[in-house]
């Protein structure tokens, strides 16, 4: 049976949720030049791919967070995935806004606030992990016991790994940067010569010398 990391990587490439352009890089909002662009929202539009992702997330949670009581999504990309996964696991679900509402009750946590409950956060993508950690901190401050994160894909950037470790947040992703790059080379999305260049970016995205 094919490894879930490989299956998810193949699917992300197939539906063009991930683009790899080592010779014509994308520009991130931070100004960093990147050989990769990832938009996992596209998985929602392909039922076969979506089923693999949602069942994979559910199985990841069963394996690593068996005591989970509530599923919480990140806003906005994690909300739909959290809804699917909570249905599979038959658990309550909510989500965390990027900031408190400026009207109504001023909620930042939508759904029943999981005070004292064991929570798993659903995230679509982990890069530098800043926004994911913010969601975890909001839930912790509200009194939730956050077991960790289940995500679709991680870049595996050192900055993100360091931030997660510092915040004492566990993350388990369905697939990762290295797997995707290797699958992309095997299936001729990129040349084998591009692998080292792309992996050099991963080690230090702020260093533009990877493009040389």
Foldseek 3Di string as FASTA:
>chain_A
DDALQLVLLVVCVVQVQKAFALQDFDADPVRFTARMDGHCLSLVVPVVSLVSQLVLLLVVCCVQPVQAAEEEEEPPSGQVSSVSNCVVVVHHYWYAYLAFDPDDPRDRIGDPLAAAGEYEYEEAEQELCPSVLVRVVVSVVSHYRYSAYEYAEYAPAPNNVVVCVVSVHDYDYSYYDLSSLVSCCVVVSDPPVCSVLNVVCRHPSVDPPSSD
